[in-house]
Amino acid sequence: MMVGPKLYLIITNISKRSNVRSLLLTAAAFGCDCVFVSGQKKFDFDPDGPDIPGQLRGHLKDGFMKIVQFDRLEDCIMHIRSLKSNCRDSNNSPDNCSQVKIIGVEIEESASDLEDLPFTGDIALMMGNEGQGMNHKQMAMCDSFIKISQYGVGTASLNVNVAASIVMHRFHHWARGDAVA
């Protein structure tokens, strides 16, 4: 049986409890296999802990999504790099896809536009901090970056959960093979 590309989320350097909780719910809604948490020591990620939304507890306990915690971002990234990837390129060939790609969501010069479907296989999304975006340490650990096109005038910033939702939605449709315009 062919298993589709997997989606992972890395939560690190997110300061607001409401954003952490929303990111967990969004990850579950889009079929994220695992949420990797780096640092974030002020939050309790036990399925019965106060930081886990009530509607997510059964989902976690039944094994539909896992939360794996690491003290340091380096350890988290090393673990992700050890995972085997399900991947497909334009020829459905696994040749170029040996590891999970760590993709930062950041307005950055080298970032691919999300509308161009820059996915090739399993990905771990790393989001930036609510105020400052991704720091240099986070950016150095990413394989690539994607950005979300914005068409209005004003700020170039989106709430971290809104941005994660847009990217996960796009990935989900790509992974299913849906025609995405």
Protein backbone atom coordinates (compact mmCIF):
# COMPACT_ATOMS: atom_id res chain seq x y z
CA MET A 1 0.00 0.00 0.00
CA MET A 2 1.38 3.39 -1.01
CA VAL A 3 1.46 5.85 1.86
CA GLY A 4 1.21 9.51 0.96
CA PRO A 5 3.69 12.16 2.01
CA LYS A 6 3.73 12.91 5.72
CA LEU A 7 3.36 16.26 7.39
CA TYR A 8 5.15 17.19 10.59
CA LEU A 9 5.13 20.44 12.54
CA ILE A 10 7.97 21.87 14.62
CA ILE A 11 6.90 24.12 17.47
CA THR A 12 9.79 26.17 18.80
CA ASN A 13 10.10 29.76 19.95
CA ILE A 14 6.32 30.29 20.05
CA SER A 15 5.52 32.42 23.06
CA LYS A 16 1.74 32.63 23.29
CA ARG A 17 -0.20 29.75 24.83
CA SER A 18 -3.17 30.45 22.56
CA ASN A 19 -0.96 30.08 19.48
CA VAL A 20 0.56 26.81 20.71
CA ARG A 21 -2.92 25.39 21.37
CA SER A 22 -4.18 26.60 17.98
CA LEU A 23 -1.16 25.12 16.19
CA LEU A 24 -1.83 21.73 17.82
CA LEU A 25 -5.48 21.80 16.71
CA THR A 26 -4.51 22.86 13.19
CA ALA A 27 -1.91 20.08 12.99
CA ALA A 28 -4.58 17.54 13.96
CA ALA A 29 -7.09 19.00 11.49
CA PHE A 30 -4.68 18.56 8.58
CA GLY A 31 -3.53 15.05 9.48
CA CYS A 32 -0.12 15.93 10.87
CA ASP A 33 1.60 12.69 11.94
CA CYS A 34 3.65 14.25 14.70
CA VAL A 35 4.29 17.61 16.30
CA PHE A 36 7.90 18.04 17.40
CA VAL A 37 8.31 20.47 20.26
CA SER A 38 11.67 22.05 20.98
CA GLY A 39 12.12 23.89 24.26
CA GLN A 40 8.76 25.41 25.14
CA LYS A 41 9.29 24.36 28.78
CA LYS A 42 6.51 26.56 30.13
CA PHE A 43 3.92 24.40 28.34
CA ASP A 44 2.60 21.00 29.43
CA PHE A 45 2.24 18.68 26.43
CA ASP A 46 0.93 15.67 28.36
CA PRO A 47 -2.38 14.60 26.72
CA ASP A 48 -4.17 15.41 29.98
CA GLY A 49 -2.17 18.58 30.59
CA PRO A 50 -3.75 22.04 30.73
CA ASP A 51 -2.11 23.17 27.48
CA ILE A 52 -3.72 20.45 25.39
CA PRO A 53 -7.14 21.52 24.08
CA GLY A 54 -9.86 19.21 25.38
CA GLN A 55 -11.04 18.23 21.90
CA LEU A 56 -7.52 17.02 21.07
CA ARG A 57 -6.96 14.73 24.07
CA GLY A 58 -8.74 11.69 22.63
CA HIS A 59 -7.01 12.21 19.29
CA LEU A 60 -3.62 12.02 21.01
CA LYS A 61 -4.53 9.14 23.31
CA ASP A 62 -5.84 7.11 20.36
CA GLY A 63 -2.52 7.59 18.53
CA PHE A 64 -3.80 9.67 15.62
CA MET A 65 -1.09 12.26 16.26
CA LYS A 66 1.97 12.26 18.47
CA ILE A 67 3.75 15.04 20.30
CA VAL A 68 7.47 14.48 20.83
CA GLN A 69 9.41 16.91 23.00
CA PHE A 70 13.09 17.85 22.85
CA ASP A 71 15.06 20.12 25.14
CA ARG A 72 17.08 21.59 22.27
CA LEU A 73 16.25 22.45 18.69
CA GLU A 74 19.44 20.70 17.51
CA ASP A 75 18.23 17.39 19.01
CA CYS A 76 14.83 17.84 17.40
CA ILE A 77 16.36 18.47 13.98
CA MET A 78 18.74 15.52 14.35
CA HIS A 79 15.75 13.28 15.10
CA ILE A 80 13.82 14.57 12.08
CA ARG A 81 16.87 14.01 9.85
CA SER A 82 16.90 10.36 10.96
CA LEU A 83 13.35 9.74 9.70
CA LYS A 84 12.80 8.01 6.39
CA SER A 85 10.77 9.97 3.89
CA ASN A 86 7.92 9.02 1.59
CA CYS A 87 8.43 11.14 -1.43
CA ARG A 88 7.47 11.81 -4.95
CA ASP A 89 8.93 14.15 -7.49
CA SER A 90 7.37 15.05 -10.81
CA ASN A 91 8.27 11.55 -12.12
CA ASN A 92 7.03 9.75 -8.97
CA SER A 93 10.64 8.75 -8.40
CA PRO A 94 12.07 8.49 -4.87
CA ASP A 95 15.63 9.27 -6.03
CA ASN A 96 15.87 12.86 -4.75
CA CYS A 97 13.92 12.46 -1.54
CA SER A 98 15.90 10.56 1.05
CA GLN A 99 15.00 12.60 4.10
CA VAL A 100 12.23 14.69 5.53
CA LYS A 101 12.65 18.26 4.30
CA ILE A 102 12.60 20.95 6.95
CA ILE A 103 10.80 23.90 5.46
CA GLY A 104 10.72 27.28 7.15
CA VAL A 105 7.71 29.50 6.58
CA GLU A 106 9.31 32.90 6.33
CA ILE A 107 9.38 35.95 4.10
CA GLU A 108 12.92 35.41 2.92
CA GLU A 109 14.72 36.22 -0.33
CA SER A 110 15.26 32.57 -1.32
CA ALA A 111 11.72 31.46 -0.34
CA SER A 112 9.61 29.64 -2.91
CA ASP A 113 6.06 30.82 -3.31
CA LEU A 114 3.53 28.45 -1.76
CA GLU A 115 1.40 28.77 -4.89
CA ASP A 116 4.17 27.01 -6.84
CA LEU A 117 3.66 23.85 -4.73
CA PRO A 118 7.28 23.53 -3.59
CA PHE A 119 6.78 20.05 -2.08
CA THR A 120 8.49 16.79 -3.06
CA GLY A 121 7.80 14.48 -0.12
CA ASP A 122 7.54 14.42 3.64
CA ILE A 123 8.00 17.82 5.25
CA ALA A 124 8.46 19.28 8.69
CA LEU A 125 7.19 22.84 8.85
CA MET A 126 8.95 25.30 11.11
CA MET A 127 7.10 28.49 11.88
CA GLY A 128 8.58 31.74 13.13
CA ASN A 129 7.97 33.54 16.39
CA GLU A 130 4.83 35.67 16.61
CA GLY A 131 6.75 38.93 16.75
CA GLN A 132 10.18 38.43 15.20
CA GLY A 133 9.66 35.55 12.78
CA MET A 134 12.37 32.91 12.52
CA ASN A 135 15.69 33.55 14.23
CA HIS A 136 19.08 32.86 12.62
CA LYS A 137 19.44 29.52 14.42
CA GLN A 138 16.08 28.29 13.12
CA MET A 139 16.79 29.51 9.61
CA ALA A 140 20.17 27.77 9.50
CA MET A 141 18.45 24.44 10.18
CA CYS A 142 15.97 24.69 7.31
CA ASP A 143 16.46 22.98 3.96
CA SER A 144 14.38 25.62 2.23
CA PHE A 145 11.80 28.33 2.79
CA ILE A 146 8.32 29.02 1.53
CA LYS A 147 6.35 32.23 1.63
CA ILE A 148 2.67 32.97 1.38
CA SER A 149 1.79 35.54 -1.26
CA GLN A 150 -0.22 38.45 0.05
CA TYR A 151 -2.14 40.79 -2.16
CA GLY A 152 -3.37 43.54 0.13
CA VAL A 153 -1.57 46.59 1.38
CA GLY A 154 -0.33 46.77 4.93
CA THR A 155 1.61 44.34 7.00
CA ALA A 156 3.41 41.38 5.46
CA SER A 157 2.73 39.38 8.58
CA LEU A 158 0.09 36.78 9.36
CA ASN A 159 -0.74 35.19 12.69
CA VAL A 160 1.46 32.10 13.13
CA ASN A 161 -1.51 29.74 13.20
CA VAL A 162 -3.14 31.37 10.18
CA ALA A 163 0.11 30.98 8.22
CA ALA A 164 0.53 27.36 9.36
CA SER A 165 -3.08 26.61 8.37
CA ILE A 166 -2.62 27.99 4.86
CA VAL A 167 0.57 25.96 4.28
CA MET A 168 -0.86 22.75 5.78
CA HIS A 169 -4.01 23.10 3.67
CA ARG A 170 -1.95 23.51 0.50
CA PHE A 171 0.31 20.57 1.43
CA HIS A 172 -2.71 18.38 2.21
CA HIS A 173 -4.21 18.97 -1.24
CA TRP A 174 -0.85 18.45 -2.96
CA ALA A 175 -0.27 15.20 -1.03
CA ARG A 176 -3.71 13.90 -2.08
CA GLY A 177 -2.97 14.72 -5.69
CA ASP A 178 -5.76 17.26 -5.93
CA ALA A 179 -5.60 19.82 -8.68
CA VAL A 180 -4.75 23.00 -6.81
CA ALA A 181 -5.16 26.27 -8.64
